Amino acid sequence: MKNYELLLREHNLKVTPQRIGILSVLGDMGHVSIEELFTIIRKDFYSISIATLYKNISFMMEVNLLKEVKVPNGKSKYEILKDEHSHMICKKCEKLEDVKVCLDSIVKNISEKSGYMFDDNSLVLSGICPTCQKGTV
């Protein structure tokens, strides 16, 4: 179990039970939508509102503790920020997974050709996971 209290302090955020709960769910599940998070966290914090979740997620994104993963044709998911990586999503079971891909040369090439200066990039590859290909989901 990670020390979420320390992680909040390192990002200069007030330590609250709700924030520790949010980080704990994200740490356990990896990628979670607001709706999924709300359903799970209400079991421990029955009076928490969806607005409170959005506010806390926003604060944690502002200090680079959390990152939003924009899922094509789906709801955004959130994760604890870690090493640079991209994502794969299954079109059938909607499982979202991390994948290590270095985008540096691609981004550099596009920047040189377009003149854009990029400060962020993300890649979400969609397809059918091995489990769904076997028809076991």
N, C-alpha and C. Protein backbone atom coordinates (compact mmCIF):
# COMPACT_ATOMS: atom_id res chain seq x y z
N MET A 1 0.84 -1.19 0.00
CA MET A 1 0.00 0.00 0.00
C MET A 1 0.89 1.25 0.00
N LYS A 2 0.56 2.17 -0.87
CA LYS A 2 1.33 3.39 -0.97
C LYS A 2 0.95 4.34 0.15
N ASN A 3 1.85 5.25 0.44
CA ASN A 3 1.57 6.27 1.45
C ASN A 3 0.95 7.48 0.74
N TYR A 4 -0.37 7.46 0.63
CA TYR A 4 -1.08 8.53 -0.08
C TYR A 4 -1.03 9.84 0.69
N GLU A 5 -0.91 9.77 2.00
CA GLU A 5 -0.79 10.98 2.80
C GLU A 5 0.48 11.72 2.42
N LEU A 6 1.57 10.99 2.30
CA LEU A 6 2.85 11.59 1.90
C LEU A 6 2.76 12.14 0.48
N LEU A 7 2.12 11.41 -0.40
CA LEU A 7 1.96 11.85 -1.79
C LEU A 7 1.20 13.17 -1.86
N LEU A 8 0.15 13.31 -1.07
CA LEU A 8 -0.60 14.57 -1.03
C LEU A 8 0.28 15.70 -0.49
N ARG A 9 1.02 15.43 0.57
CA ARG A 9 1.89 16.45 1.15
C ARG A 9 2.98 16.88 0.16
N GLU A 10 3.54 15.93 -0.57
CA GLU A 10 4.57 16.25 -1.57
C GLU A 10 4.04 17.18 -2.66
N HIS A 11 2.73 17.12 -2.89
CA HIS A 11 2.11 17.97 -3.91
C HIS A 11 1.41 19.19 -3.28
N ASN A 12 1.75 19.46 -2.01
CA ASN A 12 1.23 20.62 -1.29
C ASN A 12 -0.30 20.68 -1.24
N LEU A 13 -0.90 19.52 -1.09
CA LEU A 13 -2.35 19.44 -0.94
C LEU A 13 -2.70 19.05 0.49
N LYS A 14 -3.78 19.59 0.98
CA LYS A 14 -4.27 19.24 2.31
C LYS A 14 -4.64 17.76 2.33
N VAL A 15 -4.25 17.08 3.36
CA VAL A 15 -4.56 15.66 3.51
C VAL A 15 -5.95 15.54 4.13
N THR A 16 -6.87 14.92 3.37
CA THR A 16 -8.21 14.67 3.88
C THR A 16 -8.52 13.18 3.67
N PRO A 17 -9.42 12.63 4.47
CA PRO A 17 -9.79 11.22 4.28
C PRO A 17 -10.35 10.96 2.87
N GLN A 18 -11.11 11.93 2.33
CA GLN A 18 -11.67 11.76 0.99
C GLN A 18 -10.57 11.69 -0.07
N ARG A 19 -9.58 12.54 0.03
CA ARG A 19 -8.48 12.53 -0.94
C ARG A 19 -7.67 11.24 -0.84
N ILE A 20 -7.45 10.78 0.37
CA ILE A 20 -6.75 9.51 0.54
C ILE A 20 -7.60 8.39 -0.07
N GLY A 21 -8.91 8.46 0.12
CA GLY A 21 -9.81 7.47 -0.46
C GLY A 21 -9.77 7.47 -1.98
N ILE A 22 -9.77 8.66 -2.57
CA ILE A 22 -9.69 8.79 -4.03
C ILE A 22 -8.40 8.16 -4.54
N LEU A 23 -7.28 8.51 -3.92
CA LEU A 23 -5.99 7.96 -4.35
C LEU A 23 -5.93 6.45 -4.16
N SER A 24 -6.52 5.97 -3.09
CA SER A 24 -6.53 4.54 -2.83
C SER A 24 -7.28 3.78 -3.92
N VAL A 25 -8.43 4.30 -4.32
CA VAL A 25 -9.21 3.66 -5.39
C VAL A 25 -8.41 3.69 -6.69
N LEU A 26 -7.83 4.84 -7.02
CA LEU A 26 -7.03 4.95 -8.24
C LEU A 26 -5.81 4.04 -8.18
N GLY A 27 -5.19 3.95 -7.01
CA GLY A 27 -4.04 3.07 -6.86
C GLY A 27 -4.40 1.61 -7.05
N ASP A 28 -5.57 1.22 -6.56
CA ASP A 28 -6.02 -0.17 -6.69
C ASP A 28 -6.47 -0.51 -8.10
N MET A 29 -7.20 0.42 -8.72
CA MET A 29 -7.83 0.12 -10.01
C MET A 29 -7.04 0.61 -11.22
N GLY A 30 -6.16 1.57 -11.03
CA GLY A 30 -5.35 2.08 -12.14
C GLY A 30 -6.00 3.22 -12.90
N HIS A 31 -7.13 2.96 -13.53
CA HIS A 31 -7.84 3.94 -14.35
C HIS A 31 -9.31 3.91 -13.98
N VAL A 32 -9.87 5.06 -13.62
CA VAL A 32 -11.25 5.09 -13.15
C VAL A 32 -11.95 6.34 -13.69
N SER A 33 -13.19 6.18 -14.12
CA SER A 33 -14.00 7.33 -14.50
C SER A 33 -14.57 7.96 -13.23
N ILE A 34 -15.05 9.18 -13.35
CA ILE A 34 -15.67 9.86 -12.20
C ILE A 34 -16.84 9.03 -11.68
N GLU A 35 -17.65 8.51 -12.59
CA GLU A 35 -18.83 7.74 -12.18
C GLU A 35 -18.43 6.48 -11.42
N GLU A 36 -17.41 5.77 -11.93
CA GLU A 36 -16.93 4.57 -11.25
C GLU A 36 -16.38 4.93 -9.86
N LEU A 37 -15.61 6.00 -9.82
CA LEU A 37 -15.03 6.45 -8.57
C LEU A 37 -16.13 6.81 -7.57
N PHE A 38 -17.15 7.52 -8.03
CA PHE A 38 -18.26 7.92 -7.17
C PHE A 38 -18.96 6.70 -6.57
N THR A 39 -19.22 5.70 -7.39
CA THR A 39 -19.88 4.48 -6.91
C THR A 39 -19.05 3.78 -5.84
N ILE A 40 -17.75 3.70 -6.06
CA ILE A 40 -16.87 2.99 -5.13
C ILE A 40 -16.67 3.78 -3.84
N ILE A 41 -16.38 5.07 -3.97
CA ILE A 41 -16.01 5.86 -2.79
C ILE A 41 -17.19 6.15 -1.88
N ARG A 42 -18.40 6.12 -2.43
CA ARG A 42 -19.59 6.36 -1.60
C ARG A 42 -19.80 5.26 -0.56
N LYS A 43 -19.19 4.11 -0.77
CA LYS A 43 -19.29 3.02 0.21
C LYS A 43 -18.63 3.42 1.53
N ASP A 44 -17.56 4.20 1.44
CA ASP A 44 -16.84 4.65 2.64
C ASP A 44 -17.23 6.08 3.04
N PHE A 45 -17.57 6.90 2.07
CA PHE A 45 -17.91 8.30 2.32
C PHE A 45 -19.30 8.56 1.74
N TYR A 46 -20.33 8.10 2.44
CA TYR A 46 -21.70 8.11 1.91
C TYR A 46 -22.23 9.51 1.63
N SER A 47 -21.66 10.54 2.27
CA SER A 47 -22.18 11.89 2.06
C SER A 47 -21.41 12.67 0.99
N ILE A 48 -20.39 12.07 0.38
CA ILE A 48 -19.59 12.76 -0.63
C ILE A 48 -20.44 13.03 -1.88
N SER A 49 -20.27 14.18 -2.47
CA SER A 49 -21.02 14.52 -3.68
C SER A 49 -20.13 14.38 -4.90
N ILE A 50 -20.76 14.27 -6.05
CA ILE A 50 -20.00 14.18 -7.30
C ILE A 50 -19.24 15.48 -7.54
N ALA A 51 -19.81 16.61 -7.09
CA ALA A 51 -19.13 17.91 -7.22
C ALA A 51 -17.83 17.91 -6.41
N THR A 52 -17.85 17.32 -5.23
CA THR A 52 -16.65 17.23 -4.40
C THR A 52 -15.59 16.38 -5.10
N LEU A 53 -16.02 15.30 -5.75
CA LEU A 53 -15.06 14.48 -6.49
C LEU A 53 -14.42 15.27 -7.62
N TYR A 54 -15.26 15.95 -8.40
CA TYR A 54 -14.73 16.75 -9.51
C TYR A 54 -13.74 17.80 -9.00
N LYS A 55 -14.08 18.46 -7.89
CA LYS A 55 -13.21 19.49 -7.33
C LYS A 55 -11.87 18.89 -6.90
N ASN A 56 -11.92 17.75 -6.22
CA ASN A 56 -10.68 17.12 -5.76
C ASN A 56 -9.84 16.59 -6.92
N ILE A 57 -10.49 16.00 -7.90
CA ILE A 57 -9.77 15.52 -9.09
C ILE A 57 -9.10 16.71 -9.78
N SER A 58 -9.81 17.81 -9.89
CA SER A 58 -9.27 19.02 -10.53
C SER A 58 -8.04 19.54 -9.77
N PHE A 59 -8.14 19.62 -8.45
CA PHE A 59 -7.00 20.06 -7.64
C PHE A 59 -5.80 19.16 -7.86
N MET A 60 -6.04 17.86 -7.86
CA MET A 60 -4.94 16.90 -8.00
C MET A 60 -4.34 16.92 -9.40
N MET A 61 -5.14 17.26 -10.41
CA MET A 61 -4.59 17.41 -11.76
C MET A 61 -3.76 18.68 -11.87
N GLU A 62 -4.20 19.76 -11.23
CA GLU A 62 -3.47 21.03 -11.28
C GLU A 62 -2.06 20.90 -10.73
N VAL A 63 -1.86 20.05 -9.74
CA VAL A 63 -0.53 19.89 -9.13
C VAL A 63 0.21 18.67 -9.70
N ASN A 64 -0.29 18.14 -10.81
CA ASN A 64 0.34 17.00 -11.49
C ASN A 64 0.44 15.75 -10.64
N LEU A 65 -0.59 15.51 -9.85
CA LEU A 65 -0.68 14.27 -9.09
C LEU A 65 -1.52 13.25 -9.86
N LEU A 66 -2.56 13.74 -10.55
CA LEU A 66 -3.41 12.89 -11.38
C LEU A 66 -3.36 13.35 -12.82
N LYS A 67 -3.70 12.43 -13.70
CA LYS A 67 -3.77 12.75 -15.12
C LYS A 67 -5.08 12.21 -15.69
N GLU A 68 -5.67 12.98 -16.58
CA GLU A 68 -6.88 12.56 -17.28
C GLU A 68 -6.48 11.78 -18.53
N VAL A 69 -7.12 10.65 -18.74
CA VAL A 69 -6.93 9.87 -19.96
C VAL A 69 -8.22 10.02 -20.76
N LYS A 70 -8.12 10.69 -21.89
CA LYS A 70 -9.29 10.91 -22.73
C LYS A 70 -9.48 9.70 -23.63
N VAL A 71 -10.54 8.97 -23.36
CA VAL A 71 -10.82 7.72 -24.06
C VAL A 71 -11.67 8.02 -25.29
N PRO A 72 -11.21 7.60 -26.48
CA PRO A 72 -12.01 7.85 -27.68
C PRO A 72 -13.40 7.22 -27.55
N ASN A 73 -14.42 7.99 -27.87
CA ASN A 73 -15.81 7.52 -27.83
C ASN A 73 -16.22 7.00 -26.46
N GLY A 74 -15.59 7.49 -25.41
CA GLY A 74 -15.92 7.05 -24.07
C GLY A 74 -15.69 8.15 -23.06
N LYS A 75 -15.94 7.82 -21.82
CA LYS A 75 -15.75 8.78 -20.74
C LYS A 75 -14.29 8.82 -20.32
N SER A 76 -13.84 10.01 -19.96
CA SER A 76 -12.47 10.16 -19.48
C SER A 76 -12.25 9.31 -18.24
N LYS A 77 -11.03 8.84 -18.10
CA LYS A 77 -10.64 8.10 -16.91
C LYS A 77 -9.47 8.86 -16.30
N TYR A 78 -9.22 8.60 -15.03
CA TYR A 78 -8.16 9.29 -14.31
C TYR A 78 -7.22 8.27 -13.72
N GLU A 79 -5.95 8.68 -13.61
CA GLU A 79 -4.93 7.82 -13.05
C GLU A 79 -3.94 8.66 -12.27
N ILE A 80 -3.24 8.00 -11.34
CA ILE A 80 -2.16 8.67 -10.63
C ILE A 80 -1.01 8.84 -11.62
N LEU A 81 -0.47 10.03 -11.68
CA LEU A 81 0.60 10.33 -12.63
C LEU A 81 1.83 9.49 -12.32
N LYS A 82 2.39 8.89 -13.34
CA LYS A 82 3.60 8.08 -13.20
C LYS A 82 4.46 8.29 -14.44
N ASP A 83 5.39 7.41 -14.66
CA ASP A 83 6.26 7.54 -15.83
C ASP A 83 5.44 7.71 -17.10
N GLU A 84 6.03 8.41 -18.07
CA GLU A 84 5.33 8.64 -19.33
C GLU A 84 4.97 7.32 -19.98
N HIS A 85 3.73 7.23 -20.42
CA HIS A 85 3.25 6.01 -21.07
C HIS A 85 2.01 6.35 -21.89
N SER A 86 1.61 5.42 -22.71
CA SER A 86 0.39 5.56 -23.50
C SER A 86 -0.60 4.51 -23.01
N HIS A 87 -1.70 4.36 -23.73
CA HIS A 87 -2.74 3.45 -23.28
C HIS A 87 -3.30 2.61 -24.42
N MET A 88 -3.86 1.46 -24.05
CA MET A 88 -4.59 0.58 -24.96
C MET A 88 -5.96 0.36 -24.33
N ILE A 89 -7.00 0.39 -25.16
CA ILE A 89 -8.35 0.12 -24.66
C ILE A 89 -9.02 -0.92 -25.54
N CYS A 90 -9.70 -1.85 -24.88
CA CYS A 90 -10.43 -2.89 -25.59
C CYS A 90 -11.82 -2.38 -25.94
N LYS A 91 -12.20 -2.51 -27.20
CA LYS A 91 -13.51 -2.04 -27.66
C LYS A 91 -14.65 -2.88 -27.11
N LYS A 92 -14.36 -4.10 -26.67
CA LYS A 92 -15.42 -4.97 -26.17
C LYS A 92 -15.60 -4.83 -24.66
N CYS A 93 -14.56 -5.09 -23.89
CA CYS A 93 -14.69 -5.08 -22.42
C CYS A 93 -14.34 -3.73 -21.82
N GLU A 94 -13.80 -2.82 -22.62
CA GLU A 94 -13.43 -1.46 -22.22
C GLU A 94 -12.32 -1.41 -21.18
N LYS A 95 -11.54 -2.48 -21.08
CA LYS A 95 -10.38 -2.48 -20.18
C LYS A 95 -9.33 -1.52 -20.74
N LEU A 96 -8.84 -0.64 -19.87
CA LEU A 96 -7.82 0.34 -20.24
C LEU A 96 -6.52 -0.07 -19.58
N GLU A 97 -5.46 -0.19 -20.37
CA GLU A 97 -4.17 -0.62 -19.85
C GLU A 97 -3.06 0.33 -20.28
N ASP A 98 -2.02 0.39 -19.46
CA ASP A 98 -0.83 1.16 -19.80
C ASP A 98 0.02 0.40 -20.79
N VAL A 99 0.71 1.13 -21.65
CA VAL A 99 1.69 0.55 -22.56
C VAL A 99 2.84 1.54 -22.69
N LYS A 100 4.06 1.02 -22.56
CA LYS A 100 5.25 1.87 -22.69
C LYS A 100 5.56 2.06 -24.18
N VAL A 101 5.43 3.30 -24.63
CA VAL A 101 5.73 3.66 -26.01
C VAL A 101 6.45 4.99 -25.97
N CYS A 102 7.57 5.08 -26.65
CA CYS A 102 8.28 6.34 -26.71
C CYS A 102 7.78 7.12 -27.93
N LEU A 103 7.15 8.24 -27.66
CA LEU A 103 6.59 9.08 -28.73
C LEU A 103 7.52 10.21 -29.13
N ASP A 104 8.69 10.28 -28.50
CA ASP A 104 9.60 11.41 -28.72
C ASP A 104 9.90 11.68 -30.19
N SER A 105 10.29 10.64 -30.94
CA SER A 105 10.67 10.85 -32.34
C SER A 105 9.46 11.23 -33.19
N ILE A 106 8.30 10.66 -32.89
CA ILE A 106 7.09 11.00 -33.64
C ILE A 106 6.71 12.46 -33.38
N VAL A 107 6.71 12.87 -32.11
CA VAL A 107 6.37 14.25 -31.75
C VAL A 107 7.37 15.23 -32.35
N LYS A 108 8.65 14.89 -32.30
CA LYS A 108 9.68 15.75 -32.88
C LYS A 108 9.48 15.92 -34.38
N ASN A 109 9.20 14.81 -35.06
CA ASN A 109 8.99 14.84 -36.50
C ASN A 109 7.79 15.70 -36.86
N ILE A 110 6.69 15.54 -36.15
CA ILE A 110 5.49 16.34 -36.42
C ILE A 110 5.74 17.81 -36.11
N SER A 111 6.47 18.07 -35.03
CA SER A 111 6.79 19.45 -34.66
C SER A 111 7.61 20.12 -35.75
N GLU A 112 8.61 19.41 -36.26
CA GLU A 112 9.46 19.97 -37.31
C GLU A 112 8.66 20.25 -38.58
N LYS A 113 7.75 19.36 -38.92
CA LYS A 113 6.96 19.53 -40.15
C LYS A 113 5.87 20.58 -40.02
N SER A 114 5.31 20.71 -38.82
CA SER A 114 4.15 21.59 -38.65
C SER A 114 4.50 22.95 -38.05
N GLY A 115 5.63 23.03 -37.36
CA GLY A 115 5.97 24.26 -36.68
C GLY A 115 5.36 24.38 -35.29
N TYR A 116 4.54 23.41 -34.93
CA TYR A 116 3.94 23.43 -33.58
C TYR A 116 4.99 23.12 -32.53
N MET A 117 4.82 23.71 -31.35
CA MET A 117 5.62 23.36 -30.19
C MET A 117 4.68 22.64 -29.23
N PHE A 118 4.87 21.35 -29.05
CA PHE A 118 3.98 20.54 -28.22
C PHE A 118 4.43 20.54 -26.77
N ASP A 119 3.47 20.65 -25.86
CA ASP A 119 3.80 20.57 -24.45
C ASP A 119 3.16 19.36 -23.78
N ASP A 120 2.36 18.63 -24.54
CA ASP A 120 1.70 17.44 -24.01
C ASP A 120 1.35 16.53 -25.17
N ASN A 121 1.36 15.25 -24.91
CA ASN A 121 0.90 14.31 -25.92
C ASN A 121 0.31 13.10 -25.21
N SER A 122 -0.61 12.49 -25.89
CA SER A 122 -1.18 11.25 -25.37
C SER A 122 -1.59 10.38 -26.54
N LEU A 123 -1.58 9.11 -26.29
CA LEU A 123 -1.93 8.15 -27.32
C LEU A 123 -2.78 7.08 -26.67
N VAL A 124 -3.95 6.83 -27.25
CA VAL A 124 -4.80 5.74 -26.80
C VAL A 124 -5.08 4.88 -28.03
N LEU A 125 -4.56 3.67 -28.00
CA LEU A 125 -4.78 2.72 -29.09
C LEU A 125 -6.00 1.88 -28.73
N SER A 126 -6.90 1.68 -29.69
CA SER A 126 -8.08 0.86 -29.42
C SER A 126 -8.06 -0.38 -30.29
N GLY A 127 -8.59 -1.44 -29.73
CA GLY A 127 -8.64 -2.72 -30.43
C GLY A 127 -9.35 -3.73 -29.56
N ILE A 128 -9.06 -4.99 -29.80
CA ILE A 128 -9.68 -6.08 -29.04
C ILE A 128 -8.58 -6.79 -28.26
N CYS A 129 -8.75 -6.87 -26.93
CA CYS A 129 -7.74 -7.50 -26.07
C CYS A 129 -7.69 -9.01 -26.31
N PRO A 130 -6.60 -9.66 -25.90
CA PRO A 130 -6.47 -11.11 -26.11
C PRO A 130 -7.61 -11.91 -25.48
N THR A 131 -8.08 -11.51 -24.30
CA THR A 131 -9.16 -12.23 -23.65
C THR A 131 -10.44 -12.18 -24.46
N CYS A 132 -10.79 -11.00 -24.96
CA CYS A 132 -12.00 -10.85 -25.77
C CYS A 132 -11.86 -11.55 -27.13
N GLN A 133 -10.64 -11.60 -27.66
CA GLN A 133 -10.41 -12.31 -28.92
C GLN A 133 -10.73 -13.79 -28.76
N LYS A 134 -10.48 -14.31 -27.57
CA LYS A 134 -10.76 -15.72 -27.30
C LYS A 134 -12.23 -15.95 -26.96
N GLY A 135 -12.96 -14.84 -26.78
CA GLY A 135 -14.38 -14.95 -26.49
C GLY A 135 -14.70 -15.36 -25.06
N THR A 136 -13.76 -15.10 -24.13
CA THR A 136 -13.98 -15.51 -22.75
C THR A 136 -14.53 -14.40 -21.87
N VAL A 137 -14.85 -13.25 -22.46
CA VAL A 137 -15.43 -12.16 -21.67
C VAL A 137 -16.88 -11.99 -22.04
